[in-house]
Amino acid sequence: MKSLSDILTTIQQGTAAANGLTQVLTNATVNSSSLQVTISSTILAHSSAAIVAVTKQIFTTSTNYFPTANMAYCIIECIGGGGGGGGSSGATNFAIGANGGGAGGYSKLYATAAALGSSQAVTIGAGGAGGAAASGNGSSGGPTSLGSLCIANGAAGGTGQNSATISTPGIGGTAGTGDFALPGAAGFSGNYIPAGGSVGAGIGGQGGYSFYGGGGRGGIGTGSGPPLSLGIAGVGYGSGGGGGATNTSTYSSSGGPGAPGIVIITEFLHG
C-alpha cells in the first residue's frame, strides 16, 4: 500500500503532465493560427495579381509598341516578308514559267513586362517586289522584329526564267530569334515545255505558304498573254509571290509581289 507521500508525488506528476499537455495544445493553436494567416496572405497576394483580361496588339506597319497597363506577360509572334515571284520572257519554241518566291520565317516568344520595358521598336518586313517581265528575279522580303527580342527573317525571291533551263525558286526565310523560330517554306519551281507545232502553256511556280498566308498563284502562259499569265501576289502575311509565265516568244510576264510581314502581341493583364 502506497504512503501518503507517494500518492502526493503521483498527483503532482499528473498535474505537471496535464500542464505540459495544455501548453502543447496552446502552442499548436498559435502555430496553426500563424500558418493560417500566412496561407491566407499568400492566397490574397496571388489573387490580386491574377490574370483578368487578355488583349491583342497587331502591327502591319513599322512603329513603336507600348505595353498595355497592368500587363503581366505576353506572347509575341513575328512573320518575315515574303519573296517576290520571278518574271518570265518568251523563248522561241518553248513555253516558260518562272519561279515562286519563298515565305518569311515565323518566330514566337514569351516575354514578361519587365523584359519588354516601357516600349519596343516594331519593324515590319516588306514583301519583295515581283521580278520584271523580262525574266527579272523577284526581290527578297524584309525581316520583321520586335526590338532584338523576337526576329523573323524575310524570304528570297524566285529567279526569273527566259530559256529552257532549270532555275531555282525562292528559299524561305531562315530561322530567326525567339523561343520557337521556324524557317519559311520555299517557293515552287516554274516549268518549261517545248511548244512544238502547237501552243504550249508555261506555268509559273506558286509562292511559298507562310504561317499566316497562302502563296500567290503562278501565271499560266495562254495565247492571250497578260493578265492571266502574270504571277499573283502572296496572300495574307509573309507568303511568297507567284512566278510569271509565257507560251512562246510573243510576250513577257512579271512575277507577283510577296506579302509583307506582321507582328501579333497577345497580352495577359493582371488585376
Protein backbone atom coordinates (compact mmCIF):
# COMPACT_ATOMS: atom_id res chain seq x y z
CA MET A 1 0.00 0.00 0.00
CA LYS A 2 1.33 3.42 -1.10
CA SER A 3 2.14 6.00 1.50
CA LEU A 4 0.56 9.42 1.54
CA SER A 5 3.85 10.84 0.27
CA ASP A 6 3.82 8.52 -2.75
CA ILE A 7 0.23 9.46 -3.50
CA LEU A 8 1.06 13.20 -3.39
CA THR A 9 4.03 12.64 -5.68
CA THR A 10 1.83 10.85 -8.24
CA ILE A 11 -0.73 13.66 -8.11
CA GLN A 12 1.98 16.26 -8.66
CA GLN A 13 3.38 14.33 -11.65
CA GLY A 14 -0.09 14.09 -13.18
CA THR A 15 -0.66 17.80 -12.70
CA ALA A 16 2.66 18.57 -14.38
CA ALA A 17 1.82 16.31 -17.31
CA ALA A 18 -1.58 17.98 -17.71
CA ASN A 19 0.03 21.42 -17.64
CA GLY A 20 2.52 20.26 -20.26
CA LEU A 21 -0.26 18.97 -22.49
CA THR A 22 -2.10 22.25 -22.10
CA GLN A 23 0.99 24.14 -23.21
CA VAL A 24 1.43 21.87 -26.24
CA LEU A 25 -2.17 22.45 -27.28
CA THR A 26 -1.77 26.19 -26.78
CA ASN A 27 1.38 26.25 -28.94
CA ALA A 28 -0.34 24.19 -31.64
CA THR A 29 -3.24 26.63 -31.71
CA VAL A 30 -0.92 29.63 -32.01
CA ASN A 31 1.14 27.99 -34.75
CA SER A 32 -1.98 26.91 -36.58
CA SER A 33 -3.29 30.48 -36.50
CA SER A 34 0.03 31.81 -37.76
CA LEU A 35 0.10 29.25 -40.55
CA GLN A 36 -3.44 30.13 -41.49
CA VAL A 37 -2.57 33.83 -41.64
CA THR A 38 0.47 33.07 -43.79
CA ILE A 39 -1.51 30.92 -46.21
CA SER A 40 -4.31 33.48 -46.42
CA SER A 41 -1.83 36.29 -47.14
CA THR A 42 -0.23 34.24 -49.91
CA ILE A 43 -3.58 33.46 -51.49
CA LEU A 44 -4.62 37.09 -51.37
CA ALA A 45 -1.32 38.21 -52.85
CA HIS A 46 -1.69 35.83 -55.77
CA SER A 47 -5.35 36.59 -56.33
CA SER A 48 -4.60 40.30 -56.63
CA ALA A 49 -2.16 39.51 -59.48
CA ALA A 50 -4.44 37.00 -61.24
CA ILE A 51 -4.95 37.38 -64.99
CA VAL A 52 -8.25 39.18 -65.50
CA ALA A 53 -8.13 40.09 -69.21
CA VAL A 54 -6.45 39.17 -72.49
CA THR A 55 -5.96 41.64 -75.31
CA LYS A 56 -4.05 41.90 -78.60
CA GLN A 57 -1.98 44.50 -80.36
CA ILE A 58 -1.47 43.83 -84.08
CA PHE A 59 1.07 45.70 -86.21
CA THR A 60 1.23 45.80 -90.01
CA THR A 61 3.39 48.93 -90.24
CA SER A 62 6.64 49.84 -88.51
CA THR A 63 6.11 51.85 -85.31
CA ASN A 64 6.66 51.55 -81.54
CA TYR A 65 4.97 49.08 -79.23
CA PHE A 66 3.82 50.29 -75.80
CA PRO A 67 2.64 47.53 -73.45
CA THR A 68 -0.89 47.89 -72.13
CA ALA A 69 -1.14 48.96 -68.47
CA ASN A 70 -1.13 46.09 -65.96
CA MET A 71 0.34 43.65 -68.46
CA ALA A 72 1.94 40.71 -66.65
CA TYR A 73 3.36 38.93 -69.68
CA CYS A 74 2.72 38.48 -73.40
CA ILE A 75 3.22 36.16 -76.37
CA ILE A 76 4.89 37.76 -79.40
CA GLU A 77 4.57 36.42 -82.96
CA CYS A 78 6.57 37.73 -85.92
CA ILE A 79 6.35 36.82 -89.63
CA GLY A 80 9.04 37.94 -92.09
CA GLY A 81 8.24 39.39 -95.51
CA GLY A 82 7.66 37.01 -98.43
CA GLY A 83 9.84 36.99 -101.54
CA GLY A 84 8.58 38.16 -104.92
CA GLY A 85 7.98 35.74 -107.79
CA GLY A 86 10.29 35.75 -110.80
CA GLY A 87 9.40 37.25 -114.18
CA SER A 88 9.27 35.33 -117.43
CA SER A 89 10.06 36.21 -121.04
CA GLY A 90 9.22 34.06 -124.03
CA ALA A 91 11.68 31.94 -125.96
CA THR A 92 11.17 30.54 -129.44
CA ASN A 93 9.63 27.07 -129.38
CA PHE A 94 9.38 26.99 -125.58
CA ALA A 95 6.64 27.86 -123.10
CA ILE A 96 8.15 29.05 -119.84
CA GLY A 97 7.07 29.53 -116.21
CA ALA A 98 9.24 31.46 -113.73
CA ASN A 99 9.72 30.53 -110.08
CA GLY A 100 7.73 31.45 -107.00
CA GLY A 101 9.12 33.46 -104.07
CA GLY A 102 9.73 31.93 -100.64
CA ALA A 103 7.75 32.56 -97.46
CA GLY A 104 9.01 34.56 -94.50
CA GLY A 105 10.12 32.83 -91.30
CA TYR A 106 8.00 32.59 -88.16
CA SER A 107 9.19 33.38 -84.62
CA LYS A 108 7.33 33.20 -81.31
CA LEU A 109 8.45 34.49 -77.91
CA TYR A 110 7.09 34.57 -74.35
CA ALA A 111 8.14 37.78 -72.56
CA THR A 112 7.37 39.41 -69.21
CA ALA A 113 6.54 43.09 -68.79
CA ALA A 114 9.92 43.57 -67.11
CA ALA A 115 11.75 42.15 -70.13
CA LEU A 116 9.90 44.47 -72.52
CA GLY A 117 10.31 47.69 -70.57
CA SER A 118 8.31 50.80 -71.44
CA SER A 119 8.43 50.29 -75.23
CA GLN A 120 9.98 48.34 -78.10
CA ALA A 121 10.50 49.20 -81.76
CA VAL A 122 8.32 47.31 -84.25
CA THR A 123 9.81 46.69 -87.69
CA ILE A 124 7.59 45.15 -90.38
CA GLY A 125 9.38 43.42 -93.24
CA ALA A 126 8.13 44.49 -96.65
CA GLY A 127 7.18 41.88 -99.21
CA GLY A 128 9.66 41.54 -102.07
CA ALA A 129 8.75 43.05 -105.43
CA GLY A 130 7.88 40.71 -108.28
CA GLY A 131 10.51 40.23 -110.98
CA ALA A 132 10.25 42.32 -114.14
CA ALA A 133 8.61 40.82 -117.20
CA ALA A 134 11.97 40.49 -118.96
CA SER A 135 12.84 37.45 -116.80
CA GLY A 136 13.78 39.57 -113.79
CA ASN A 137 14.42 37.97 -110.42
CA GLY A 138 11.97 38.59 -107.59
CA SER A 139 13.23 40.69 -104.68
CA SER A 140 13.73 39.37 -101.16
CA GLY A 141 11.31 40.12 -98.32
CA GLY A 142 12.48 42.08 -95.30
CA PRO A 143 12.91 40.91 -91.68
CA THR A 144 10.20 41.57 -89.11
CA SER A 145 11.09 42.21 -85.47
CA LEU A 146 10.14 43.47 -82.04
CA GLY A 147 13.34 45.13 -80.87
CA SER A 148 16.04 42.50 -80.68
CA LEU A 149 13.82 40.12 -78.68
CA CYS A 150 11.87 38.47 -81.48
CA ILE A 151 13.05 38.40 -85.12
CA ALA A 152 11.61 36.63 -88.18
CA ASN A 153 13.72 36.73 -91.34
CA GLY A 154 12.47 37.57 -94.81
CA ALA A 155 12.48 35.16 -97.76
CA ALA A 156 14.35 35.16 -101.05
CA GLY A 157 12.66 36.00 -104.33
CA GLY A 158 12.14 33.47 -107.12
CA THR A 159 14.50 33.60 -110.10
CA GLY A 160 13.33 34.75 -113.49
CA GLN A 161 13.18 32.44 -116.48
CA ASN A 162 13.80 33.07 -120.16
CA SER A 163 15.10 29.80 -121.54
CA ALA A 164 14.73 26.05 -121.34
CA THR A 165 16.91 25.75 -118.26
CA ILE A 166 16.18 24.90 -114.67
CA SER A 167 16.36 27.82 -112.26
CA THR A 168 15.57 27.96 -108.58
CA PRO A 169 12.55 29.10 -106.58
CA GLY A 170 13.00 31.47 -103.67
CA ILE A 171 14.12 29.84 -100.43
CA GLY A 172 12.15 30.58 -97.27
CA GLY A 173 13.38 32.96 -94.59
CA THR A 174 15.93 31.36 -92.29
CA ALA A 175 15.03 30.65 -88.65
CA GLY A 176 15.24 33.85 -86.60
CA THR A 177 15.21 34.73 -82.89
CA GLY A 178 12.63 33.55 -80.34
CA ASP A 179 11.60 30.67 -78.10
CA PHE A 180 10.18 28.99 -81.19
CA ALA A 181 11.72 30.02 -84.53
CA LEU A 182 10.90 28.32 -87.84
CA PRO A 183 12.26 28.86 -91.35
CA GLY A 184 9.78 29.81 -94.05
CA ALA A 185 8.67 27.49 -96.83
CA ALA A 186 10.39 27.68 -100.20
CA GLY A 187 8.51 28.74 -103.32
CA PHE A 188 7.64 26.33 -106.12
CA SER A 189 9.50 25.90 -109.39
CA GLY A 190 8.05 27.02 -112.71
CA ASN A 191 8.07 24.73 -115.74
CA TYR A 192 9.19 24.88 -119.34
CA ILE A 193 7.87 22.79 -122.20
CA PRO A 194 8.54 22.68 -125.95
CA ALA A 195 5.77 24.43 -127.83
CA GLY A 196 6.30 22.28 -130.92
CA GLY A 197 3.74 22.72 -133.63
CA SER A 198 1.05 23.85 -131.21
CA VAL A 199 0.92 26.43 -128.47
CA GLY A 200 2.12 25.14 -125.10
CA ALA A 201 1.42 26.80 -121.76
CA GLY A 202 4.15 27.61 -119.29
CA ILE A 203 3.03 27.65 -115.65
CA GLY A 204 4.70 29.86 -113.08
CA GLY A 205 5.67 28.42 -109.72
CA GLN A 206 3.43 29.20 -106.76
CA GLY A 207 4.77 31.28 -103.90
CA GLY A 208 5.64 29.62 -100.59
CA TYR A 209 2.97 29.34 -97.90
CA SER A 210 3.59 31.22 -94.67
CA PHE A 211 2.22 30.65 -91.17
CA TYR A 212 -0.46 33.30 -91.87
CA GLY A 213 -0.95 33.32 -95.62
CA GLY A 214 -1.16 31.33 -98.86
CA GLY A 215 1.41 31.68 -101.64
CA GLY A 216 0.43 33.62 -104.75
CA ARG A 217 -0.64 31.58 -107.77
CA GLY A 218 1.80 31.29 -110.66
CA GLY A 219 0.83 32.68 -114.03
CA ILE A 220 -0.49 30.49 -116.85
CA GLY A 221 1.05 31.11 -120.29
CA THR A 222 -2.01 31.24 -122.50
CA GLY A 223 -2.16 32.60 -126.01
CA SER A 224 -3.91 35.73 -124.79
CA GLY A 225 -0.99 36.79 -122.62
CA PRO A 226 -1.46 39.02 -119.53
CA PRO A 227 -3.24 39.35 -117.18
CA LEU A 228 -3.73 35.59 -116.72
CA SER A 229 -0.04 34.94 -117.30
CA LEU A 230 1.12 37.32 -114.56
CA GLY A 231 2.28 35.99 -111.20
CA ILE A 232 -0.18 36.73 -108.40
CA ALA A 233 0.70 38.47 -105.14
CA GLY A 234 1.12 36.46 -101.95
CA VAL A 235 -1.99 36.29 -99.74
CA GLY A 236 -2.20 37.29 -96.08
CA TYR A 237 1.16 37.90 -94.39
CA GLY A 238 4.63 36.60 -95.21
CA SER A 239 3.74 34.42 -98.20
CA GLY A 240 5.65 34.40 -101.50
CA GLY A 241 4.53 35.80 -104.84
CA GLY A 242 3.86 33.57 -107.86
CA GLY A 243 6.09 33.41 -110.92
CA GLY A 244 5.07 34.82 -114.29
CA ALA A 245 4.57 32.64 -117.38
CA THR A 246 4.59 32.75 -121.19
CA ASN A 247 3.52 30.46 -124.01
CA THR A 248 6.01 31.39 -126.77
CA SER A 249 8.22 34.34 -127.56
CA THR A 250 5.29 36.66 -128.18
CA TYR A 251 5.11 38.31 -124.75
CA SER A 252 6.62 38.50 -121.26
CA SER A 253 5.04 38.38 -117.79
CA SER A 254 6.09 39.79 -114.44
CA GLY A 255 6.10 37.95 -111.12
CA GLY A 256 3.78 38.67 -108.22
CA PRO A 257 4.97 40.54 -105.11
CA GLY A 258 5.45 38.80 -101.77
CA ALA A 259 3.18 39.59 -98.84
CA PRO A 260 4.52 41.83 -96.04
CA GLY A 261 5.20 40.61 -92.50
CA ILE A 262 3.19 41.14 -89.33
CA VAL A 263 3.67 41.33 -85.55
CA ILE A 264 0.96 39.99 -83.22
CA ILE A 265 1.27 40.53 -79.47
CA THR A 266 -1.18 38.77 -77.16
CA GLU A 267 -1.14 40.46 -73.75
CA PHE A 268 -2.23 38.96 -70.42
CA LEU A 269 -3.34 41.61 -67.93
CA HIS A 270 -3.46 41.24 -64.14
CA GLY A 271 -5.88 42.95 -61.76
